Each structure stands twice: as C-alpha cells, then as structure tokens.
Protein backbone atom coordinates (compact mmCIF):
# COMPACT_ATOMS: atom_id res chain seq x y z
CA MET A 1 3.17 -28.02 11.04
CA THR A 2 5.84 -25.34 10.93
CA THR A 3 9.46 -26.20 10.26
CA PRO A 4 12.32 -25.40 12.69
CA LEU A 5 13.50 -22.69 10.28
CA GLU A 6 10.05 -21.06 10.22
CA ARG A 7 9.89 -21.13 14.02
CA LEU A 8 13.36 -19.62 14.24
CA LEU A 9 12.50 -16.76 11.88
CA ALA A 10 9.27 -16.04 13.74
CA ALA A 11 10.85 -16.22 17.19
CA THR A 12 13.81 -14.00 16.37
CA GLY A 13 11.85 -11.43 14.41
CA LEU A 14 14.01 -12.08 11.36
CA LYS A 15 11.11 -12.87 9.03
CA ARG A 16 10.61 -9.25 7.94
CA ALA A 17 14.34 -8.74 7.40
CA ALA A 18 14.56 -11.98 5.42
CA ARG A 19 11.62 -10.91 3.26
CA GLY A 20 13.21 -7.53 2.62
CA ALA A 21 16.46 -9.16 1.54
CA ALA A 22 14.60 -11.63 -0.65
CA ASP A 23 12.67 -8.82 -2.35
CA TRP A 24 15.90 -6.94 -3.12
CA VAL A 25 17.55 -10.04 -4.57
CA ASP A 26 14.39 -10.76 -6.60
CA LEU A 27 15.12 -8.50 -9.58
CA ALA A 28 11.70 -9.03 -11.16
CA TYR A 29 9.79 -8.09 -8.03
CA SER A 30 12.00 -5.13 -7.15
CA HIS A 31 11.69 -3.62 -10.64
CA ILE A 32 7.91 -4.01 -10.57
CA VAL A 33 7.62 -2.38 -7.15
CA GLU A 34 9.96 0.48 -8.11
CA GLN A 35 7.93 1.32 -11.20
CA LEU A 36 4.55 0.93 -9.50
CA GLU A 37 5.72 3.33 -6.81
CA ALA A 38 6.72 5.78 -9.54
CA VAL A 39 3.33 5.67 -11.29
CA ALA A 40 1.13 5.42 -8.18
CA PRO A 41 0.90 9.21 -7.61
CA ARG A 42 -0.88 9.48 -10.99
CA THR A 43 -3.67 7.13 -9.89
CA HIS A 44 -6.86 8.35 -8.24
CA GLY A 45 -10.46 7.60 -7.30
CA ARG A 46 -11.85 4.07 -7.50
CA LEU A 47 -9.17 1.53 -8.40
CA LEU A 48 -9.79 -1.92 -9.85
CA ASP A 49 -7.01 -4.52 -9.61
CA VAL A 50 -7.69 -7.12 -12.31
CA GLY A 51 -6.15 -10.47 -11.35
CA CYS A 52 -5.33 -9.16 -7.88
CA GLY A 53 -4.35 -12.45 -6.23
CA VAL A 54 -3.65 -11.61 -2.59
CA LYS A 55 -3.27 -7.89 -3.41
CA PRO A 56 0.52 -7.69 -2.96
CA TYR A 57 0.68 -4.15 -4.36
CA GLU A 58 -2.32 -2.62 -2.58
CA TYR A 59 -0.12 -0.80 -0.09
CA ILE A 60 1.51 1.14 -2.93
CA PHE A 61 -1.75 2.60 -4.27
CA ARG A 62 -3.80 3.00 -1.09
CA PRO A 63 -2.49 6.52 -0.30
CA TYR A 64 -3.67 7.81 -3.69
CA VAL A 65 -7.07 6.16 -4.28
CA SER A 66 -10.41 6.33 -2.51
CA GLU A 67 -11.30 2.66 -3.01
CA TYR A 68 -9.30 -0.46 -3.91
CA ILE A 69 -11.25 -3.39 -5.38
CA GLY A 70 -9.57 -6.65 -6.33
CA VAL A 71 -11.14 -9.05 -8.83
CA GLU A 72 -10.00 -12.57 -9.68
CA TYR A 73 -10.90 -15.46 -11.94
CA ALA A 74 -12.30 -17.93 -9.44
CA LYS A 75 -11.10 -21.12 -11.13
CA THR A 76 -7.47 -19.99 -11.28
CA PHE A 77 -7.45 -18.54 -7.78
CA ASP A 78 -8.90 -21.68 -6.22
CA ALA A 79 -6.11 -23.78 -7.74
CA THR A 80 -3.27 -21.83 -6.12
CA ALA A 81 -1.59 -21.52 -2.76
CA ASN A 82 -3.52 -18.30 -2.19
CA LEU A 83 -6.11 -20.35 -0.32
CA THR A 84 -3.72 -20.29 2.64
CA GLN A 85 -3.47 -16.48 2.60
CA ALA A 86 -5.56 -14.18 4.78
CA VAL A 87 -6.11 -11.62 2.00
CA LYS A 88 -8.75 -12.56 -0.58
CA PRO A 89 -10.14 -10.86 -3.71
CA ASP A 90 -13.20 -8.70 -3.21
CA VAL A 91 -14.96 -10.08 -6.28
CA PHE A 92 -14.70 -13.23 -8.39
CA TYR A 93 -15.66 -13.36 -12.07
CA ASP A 94 -15.98 -15.81 -14.95
CA GLY A 95 -12.78 -14.80 -16.72
CA LYS A 96 -14.69 -13.16 -19.57
CA THR A 97 -16.83 -10.23 -18.43
CA LEU A 98 -15.87 -8.03 -15.48
CA PRO A 99 -18.99 -7.67 -13.28
CA PHE A 100 -18.91 -3.87 -13.27
CA GLU A 101 -20.64 -1.12 -15.19
CA SER A 102 -18.86 0.59 -18.04
CA ARG A 103 -16.76 3.66 -17.15
CA SER A 104 -17.03 2.92 -13.42
CA PHE A 105 -13.34 3.09 -12.36
CA ASP A 106 -10.85 5.95 -12.34
CA THR A 107 -7.85 3.60 -12.23
CA VAL A 108 -7.43 0.03 -13.47
CA ILE A 109 -4.26 -1.98 -12.87
CA SER A 110 -3.33 -5.48 -13.96
CA ILE A 111 0.06 -6.72 -12.82
CA THR A 112 1.56 -9.82 -14.51
CA VAL A 113 -1.85 -11.22 -15.37
CA LEU A 114 -2.13 -11.21 -19.18
CA GLU A 115 0.27 -14.14 -19.53
CA HIS A 116 -2.03 -16.30 -17.41
CA THR A 117 -5.20 -16.03 -19.46
CA PRO A 118 -5.78 -17.91 -22.73
CA ASP A 119 -7.64 -14.88 -24.13
CA PRO A 120 -5.69 -11.80 -22.99
CA GLN A 121 -7.30 -9.47 -25.53
CA THR A 122 -10.69 -10.07 -23.90
CA VAL A 123 -9.24 -9.09 -20.53
CA LEU A 124 -7.75 -5.91 -21.99
CA ASN A 125 -11.01 -5.12 -23.79
CA GLU A 126 -12.84 -5.37 -20.47
CA ILE A 127 -10.27 -3.10 -18.82
CA GLY A 128 -10.89 -0.59 -21.60
CA ARG A 129 -14.62 -0.83 -21.00
CA VAL A 130 -14.69 -0.26 -17.23
CA VAL A 131 -12.11 2.57 -16.99
CA LYS A 132 -13.43 6.14 -17.15
CA LYS A 133 -12.64 8.50 -20.03
CA ASP A 134 -10.25 10.49 -17.83
CA GLY A 135 -8.92 7.41 -16.04
CA ILE A 136 -5.55 5.68 -16.10
CA VAL A 137 -4.63 2.08 -16.94
CA VAL A 138 -1.43 0.42 -15.70
CA VAL A 139 -0.52 -3.02 -17.05
CA VAL A 140 2.62 -5.07 -16.40
CA ALA A 141 3.33 -7.99 -18.75
CA PRO A 142 6.43 -10.22 -19.04
CA PHE A 143 8.80 -10.32 -22.00
CA SER A 144 11.51 -12.76 -20.85
CA PHE A 145 10.52 -14.80 -17.83
CA ARG A 146 10.64 -18.38 -16.61
CA LEU A 147 7.62 -20.67 -16.76
CA HIS A 148 5.49 -20.12 -13.65
CA GLU A 149 2.01 -20.87 -12.32
CA GLU A 150 1.91 -23.83 -14.69
CA PRO A 151 -0.06 -24.90 -16.61
CA ASN A 152 -1.72 -21.47 -16.68
CA ASP A 153 1.19 -19.69 -18.35
CA TYR A 154 0.45 -18.92 -21.98
CA PHE A 155 2.15 -15.83 -23.45
CA ARG A 156 5.01 -13.32 -23.41
CA TYR A 157 4.73 -9.77 -24.76
CA SER A 158 6.77 -7.28 -26.78
CA PRO A 159 6.10 -3.53 -26.55
CA HIS A 160 4.84 -3.57 -30.14
CA GLY A 161 2.35 -6.31 -29.43
CA LEU A 162 1.13 -4.51 -26.32
CA ARG A 163 0.53 -1.33 -28.35
CA VAL A 164 -1.60 -3.28 -30.83
CA MET A 165 -3.57 -4.93 -28.02
CA PHE A 166 -4.17 -1.60 -26.28
CA ASP A 167 -5.33 -0.06 -29.55
CA THR A 168 -7.76 -2.94 -30.12
CA ALA A 169 -9.15 -2.37 -26.61
CA GLY A 170 -9.76 1.32 -27.34
CA LEU A 171 -6.84 2.42 -25.19
CA ALA A 172 -4.05 4.84 -26.05
CA VAL A 173 -0.53 4.04 -24.83
CA ASP A 174 1.15 7.00 -23.16
CA GLU A 175 4.34 5.29 -21.93
CA ILE A 176 6.03 1.90 -21.90
CA TRP A 177 8.73 1.29 -19.30
CA SER A 178 11.10 -1.66 -19.56
CA GLN A 179 11.84 -3.45 -16.30
CA GLY A 180 15.56 -4.11 -16.39
CA ASP A 181 17.94 -4.69 -19.30
CA LEU A 182 20.02 -7.64 -20.51
CA TRP A 183 21.94 -8.03 -17.24
CA THR A 184 18.77 -8.05 -15.15
CA VAL A 185 17.38 -10.82 -17.38
CA LEU A 186 20.55 -12.90 -17.03
CA GLY A 187 20.82 -12.20 -13.31
CA HIS A 188 17.22 -13.09 -12.61
CA LYS A 189 17.46 -16.37 -14.51
CA LEU A 190 20.69 -17.32 -12.75
CA ASN A 191 19.27 -16.44 -9.34
CA SER A 192 16.09 -18.40 -10.08
CA TYR A 193 18.24 -21.44 -10.80
CA LEU A 194 20.26 -20.98 -7.63
CA ALA A 195 17.16 -20.38 -5.50
CA PHE A 196 14.84 -23.06 -6.83
CA ARG A 197 17.13 -25.76 -8.21
CA ILE A 198 20.14 -25.59 -5.91
CA ALA A 199 18.95 -24.19 -2.56
CA ARG A 200 15.30 -25.26 -3.01
CA LEU A 201 13.94 -22.06 -1.47
CA ASP A 202 10.38 -22.42 -2.87
CA ALA A 203 8.63 -23.38 0.37
CA LEU A 204 10.67 -20.88 2.40
CA ALA A 205 9.76 -18.12 -0.07
CA GLN A 206 6.08 -18.96 0.29
CA MET A 207 6.42 -18.92 4.08
CA MET A 208 7.68 -15.33 3.71
CA GLY A 209 4.70 -14.40 1.51
CA LYS A 210 6.30 -14.76 -1.92
CA LEU A 211 5.23 -17.01 -4.82
CA GLY A 212 1.64 -16.47 -3.73
CA HIS A 213 0.14 -17.67 -7.02
CA GLU A 214 2.23 -20.85 -7.23
CA ASP A 215 1.09 -24.24 -6.02
CA ALA A 216 1.91 -24.88 -2.37
CA ARG A 217 5.49 -26.11 -1.99
CA THR A 218 6.60 -28.51 0.74
CA THR A 219 10.21 -29.30 -0.19
CA SER A 220 12.67 -28.50 2.60
CA PRO A 221 15.44 -26.05 1.72
CA ARG A 222 18.99 -27.31 1.43
CA LEU A 223 20.43 -25.40 4.37
CA TRP A 224 23.97 -26.59 3.64
CA THR A 225 23.94 -24.58 0.37
CA PHE A 226 23.05 -21.27 2.07
CA PRO A 227 26.62 -20.08 2.89
CA LEU A 228 27.49 -20.24 -0.82
CA VAL A 229 24.18 -19.62 -2.59
CA LEU A 230 22.82 -16.66 -0.61
CA PRO A 231 25.92 -14.44 -1.00
CA ALA A 232 26.16 -15.45 -4.65
CA MET A 233 22.56 -14.38 -5.27
CA GLY A 234 23.21 -11.03 -3.62
CA LEU A 235 26.32 -10.52 -5.75
CA VAL A 236 24.42 -11.42 -8.93
CA SER A 237 21.59 -8.98 -8.17
CA GLY A 238 23.95 -6.14 -7.31
CA SER A 239 26.10 -6.75 -10.38
CA ALA A 240 23.07 -6.88 -12.67
CA ARG A 241 21.89 -3.48 -11.46
CA ILE A 242 25.31 -1.95 -12.06
CA LEU A 243 25.81 -3.54 -15.49
CA ASP A 244 22.35 -2.41 -16.64
CA ARG A 245 23.56 1.14 -16.06
CA ILE A 246 27.04 0.97 -17.57
CA ALA A 247 26.37 -1.50 -20.43
CA PRO A 248 22.66 -1.27 -21.25
CA ASP A 249 20.91 -3.36 -23.89
CA GLY A 250 17.31 -2.26 -24.39
CA SER A 251 16.46 -5.21 -26.61
CA GLU A 252 16.21 -7.41 -23.51
CA THR A 253 14.07 -6.96 -20.42
CA LEU A 254 12.12 -9.02 -17.92
CA SER A 255 8.81 -7.23 -18.47
CA TYR A 256 7.10 -4.02 -19.52
CA GLN A 257 4.93 -1.58 -17.65
CA VAL A 258 2.39 0.10 -19.92
CA ILE A 259 0.61 3.30 -18.89
CA GLY A 260 -2.47 4.11 -20.94
CA ARG A 261 -5.86 5.78 -21.09
CA VAL A 262 -9.10 5.70 -23.05
CA LYS A 263 -8.71 7.17 -26.53
C-alpha cells in the first residue's frame, strides 16, 4: 500500500524533481555520477557491469557501448530490496567465476562492489580475465563511508591498496580519481545522520529509486522535521562542494575511481 506522501508525489509529478534534488544533496552519488560521465566516452564495445544491481548507471554508458550486460551474485541480490525493482541483472553467477570466456569484453565496470564481497581479489582477478587486451576497466571503491548493505559490508580501500590489487589481477592502473575531499566526507556523514536518523528518509528514498541494494525500509518519515532538515542538508552539500575547492585535503575522500587496462 502506498503512503499519502507517495501518492502526492506521483499525482503532482514531483517525484522526478524530488529525486533530482536528492541526488544533488547525496554527495557520494553525485560524485560517482560526475566521474562516470567523464570516463564514459572512453568506453566501447561490449560492456560488462560486475555487481550491477538494478543497473543505475546504464544510462551513462549506453551511448558509447554496443552491448550492456549486468551480472550479479545471486545470493546477495536475492536478499535485497532489488526484488521490488523492474530492472534485473542479465546474468547471475556464483560469486567466484564469471560465466564468460576470457578476453570477451571491451569494457568492464564495477561500481561500489568490492566492499561487498569477502574475497575482492577474486572478483578483480575475474575482471582482469574477461576484459580484452585493448579494453578498459573502471572500478569505484569506497575509502571513508558508512556501514551499508549489512552484513555484506567488508572492506574499505586506499589508492595504494587498489594499485596492489590491480597489479595482482594483471591490470595496469592508468588513473585514480578521488571522489570528494575532507569537506565532502564530513558533509556526507552529517547529511546521512540528518536523513536517516533525524528525518528517517530511508523508505522515501527507496520509493524514489535510491538505496536499491539496502533491505526494504518501511519506517515513515518524520514530516515535521522537513522544514529544518531539508534546507540544512542542501546547505551542507553546497558548502562541502565550495570548501573542497578553497580548502582541499586530499588525504580524505569518500571513494576512488580507478581506470585501468590489461598489462
């Protein structure tokens, strides 16, 4: 059964606008999208999305690739709220061996997946196996991020560790991009607290298509907090972006985007 707020958003056509505002306030998501859009023109041919979930970034790469295939670990996917989504992975696998021939993809992406597997090196090794010699690999992994998708949340990554892991997988690292600086980290953590602890926006966020890999949430939002919390979150996000530019600190970031290739 839909809530009155869901019916209101649907009836007034405000759902898309609300999602757009939520994505801008969500510093982690907005940084990921910005950097994926920047690297997408380099991708080509057959693309494999490892740990695709409900393919939230497919629209970014579709103009540049001939085929987009999403693969997921069945056990993890079946335990999430993704079961309520219309978009499904194209292929499921056992979490160990990707069911594809070696050197069969021109592009392989894996966005915020390595932290959710107990053996991330195996995943990266498989990515290194299935990508072509002249292909491109794009991986996003968190450095400073809240616990999420529990209990399947195992690791955080430094750029140095990612270089070692890529090397072990037979991949050369061309570039590593940090996703935000100190102020983005602080802003994202503060906004997460305001959103999930104070305003209880979890279920509303899922209704708008966010938090797709989290367990289904049913808690009603605290509407009485909105006049204070929503403007505050917007102010925090805007301030974090400005402070990252005028007072940067590269030792802190939410996550890293690694661009690599076969050695």
